[in-house]
C-alpha atoms as a PDB file:
ATOM      1  CA  MET A   1     -28.186  -6.524 -19.098  1.00  0.00           C
ATOM      2  CA  LYS A   2     -30.233  -6.842 -16.022  1.00  0.00           C
ATOM      3  CA  LYS A   3     -31.225 -10.065 -16.966  1.00  0.00           C
ATOM      4  CA  ALA A   4     -27.756 -11.382 -16.756  1.00  0.00           C
ATOM      5  CA  PHE A   5     -27.086 -10.333 -13.210  1.00  0.00           C
ATOM      6  CA  ALA A   6     -30.606 -11.505 -12.174  1.00  0.00           C
ATOM      7  CA  SER A   7     -29.166 -15.127 -12.754  1.00  0.00           C
ATOM      8  CA  LEU A   8     -26.274 -14.160 -10.058  1.00  0.00           C
ATOM      9  CA  PRO A   9     -27.016 -15.210  -6.551  1.00  0.00           C
ATOM     10  CA  SER A  10     -27.059 -12.359  -3.893  1.00  0.00           C
ATOM     11  CA  THR A  11     -23.771 -12.857  -1.884  1.00  0.00           C
ATOM     12  CA  THR A  12     -20.812 -10.701  -0.763  1.00  0.00           C
ATOM     13  CA  GLU A  13     -18.550 -13.428  -1.773  1.00  0.00           C
ATOM     14  CA  LEU A  14     -16.943 -13.924  -5.178  1.00  0.00           C
ATOM     15  CA  THR A  15     -16.837 -17.424  -5.932  1.00  0.00           C
ATOM     16  CA  PRO A  16     -15.047 -19.452  -8.985  1.00  0.00           C
ATOM     17  CA  THR A  17     -18.614 -19.817 -10.664  1.00  0.00           C
ATOM     18  CA  ILE A  18     -19.619 -16.346 -10.200  1.00  0.00           C
ATOM     19  CA  LEU A  19     -15.991 -15.365 -11.636  1.00  0.00           C
ATOM     20  CA  ASN A  20     -16.624 -17.550 -14.601  1.00  0.00           C
ATOM     21  CA  ASP A  21     -19.726 -15.973 -15.239  1.00  0.00           C
ATOM     22  CA  LEU A  22     -18.187 -12.716 -15.501  1.00  0.00           C
ATOM     23  CA  VAL A  23     -15.172 -13.117 -17.005  1.00  0.00           C
ATOM     24  CA  SER A  24     -15.075 -13.808 -20.751  1.00  0.00           C
ATOM     25  CA  LYS A  25     -11.250 -13.532 -21.784  1.00  0.00           C
ATOM     26  CA  VAL A  26      -8.263 -13.165 -19.867  1.00  0.00           C
ATOM     27  CA  PHE A  27      -5.062 -11.428 -21.703  1.00  0.00           C
ATOM     28  CA  VAL A  28      -1.242 -11.942 -20.614  1.00  0.00           C
ATOM     29  CA  GLU A  29       1.391  -9.884 -22.144  1.00  0.00           C
ATOM     30  CA  ALA A  30       4.810 -10.980 -21.998  1.00  0.00           C
ATOM     31  CA  PRO A  31       7.186 -10.082 -18.739  1.00  0.00           C
ATOM     32  CA  ASN A  32       9.068  -7.004 -19.078  1.00  0.00           C
ATOM     33  CA  LYS A  33      12.327  -7.147 -17.384  1.00  0.00           C
ATOM     34  CA  SER A  34      13.943  -3.762 -18.761  1.00  0.00           C
ATOM     35  CA  ASP A  35      14.027  -1.609 -15.497  1.00  0.00           C
ATOM     36  CA  GLY A  36      15.510  -5.216 -13.438  1.00  0.00           C
ATOM     37  CA  LYS A  37      12.249  -6.248 -11.857  1.00  0.00           C
ATOM     38  CA  ARG A  38      10.046  -8.443 -13.411  1.00  0.00           C
ATOM     39  CA  ARG A  39       6.504  -6.823 -14.370  1.00  0.00           C
ATOM     40  CA  GLN A  40       3.764  -8.146 -16.623  1.00  0.00           C
ATOM     41  CA  ASN A  41       0.350  -6.333 -17.688  1.00  0.00           C
ATOM     42  CA  ILE A  42      -2.706  -8.632 -17.277  1.00  0.00           C
ATOM     43  CA  HIS A  43      -5.999  -7.488 -19.089  1.00  0.00           C
ATOM     44  CA  ILE A  44      -9.585  -8.843 -18.122  1.00  0.00           C
ATOM     45  CA  SER A  45     -12.099  -8.876 -20.208  1.00  0.00           C
ATOM     46  CA  TYR A  46     -15.640  -9.028 -18.835  1.00  0.00           C
ATOM     47  CA  ASP A  47     -19.080  -9.955 -20.339  1.00  0.00           C
ATOM     48  CA  LEU A  48     -21.316  -7.392 -20.988  1.00  0.00           C
ATOM     49  CA  VAL A  49     -18.757  -4.432 -20.339  1.00  0.00           C
ATOM     50  CA  GLY A  50     -14.863  -5.462 -22.066  1.00  0.00           C
ATOM     51  CA  ILE A  51     -11.785  -4.511 -20.979  1.00  0.00           C
ATOM     52  CA  LEU A  52     -11.966  -1.806 -18.209  1.00  0.00           C
ATOM     53  CA  PRO A  53      -9.846   1.427 -18.216  1.00  0.00           C
ATOM     54  CA  GLU A  54      -6.462   0.439 -16.214  1.00  0.00           C
ATOM     55  CA  LEU A  55      -6.353   1.575 -12.743  1.00  0.00           C
ATOM     56  CA  ASN A  56      -3.363   3.577 -11.576  1.00  0.00           C
ATOM     57  CA  THR A  57      -2.774   1.560  -8.420  1.00  0.00           C
ATOM     58  CA  PRO A  58      -0.057  -1.127  -9.125  1.00  0.00           C
ATOM     59  CA  ILE A  59      -0.402  -4.482  -7.516  1.00  0.00           C
ATOM     60  CA  HIS A  60       3.038  -5.145  -5.447  1.00  0.00           C
ATOM     61  CA  GLU A  61       3.498  -8.890  -5.344  1.00  0.00           C
ATOM     62  CA  GLU A  62       6.752 -10.962  -4.546  1.00  0.00           C
ATOM     63  CA  MET A  63       7.194 -13.743  -7.053  1.00  0.00           C
ATOM     64  CA  ALA A  64       9.370 -16.642  -5.660  1.00  0.00           C
END
């Protein structure tokens, strides 16, 4: 496991290249509009750890 992270540069910025190295799959569920608001669940599968447990902090973002 240390070898996988040893190849990553020491940085404080998450670049597209680093993100591509860490993420293996992205699962997007169908939108849910049952409460009048559009909500959509997204699950990210990371290399080495899989899908992390859900954080109970919703992300509020206005969709145009």
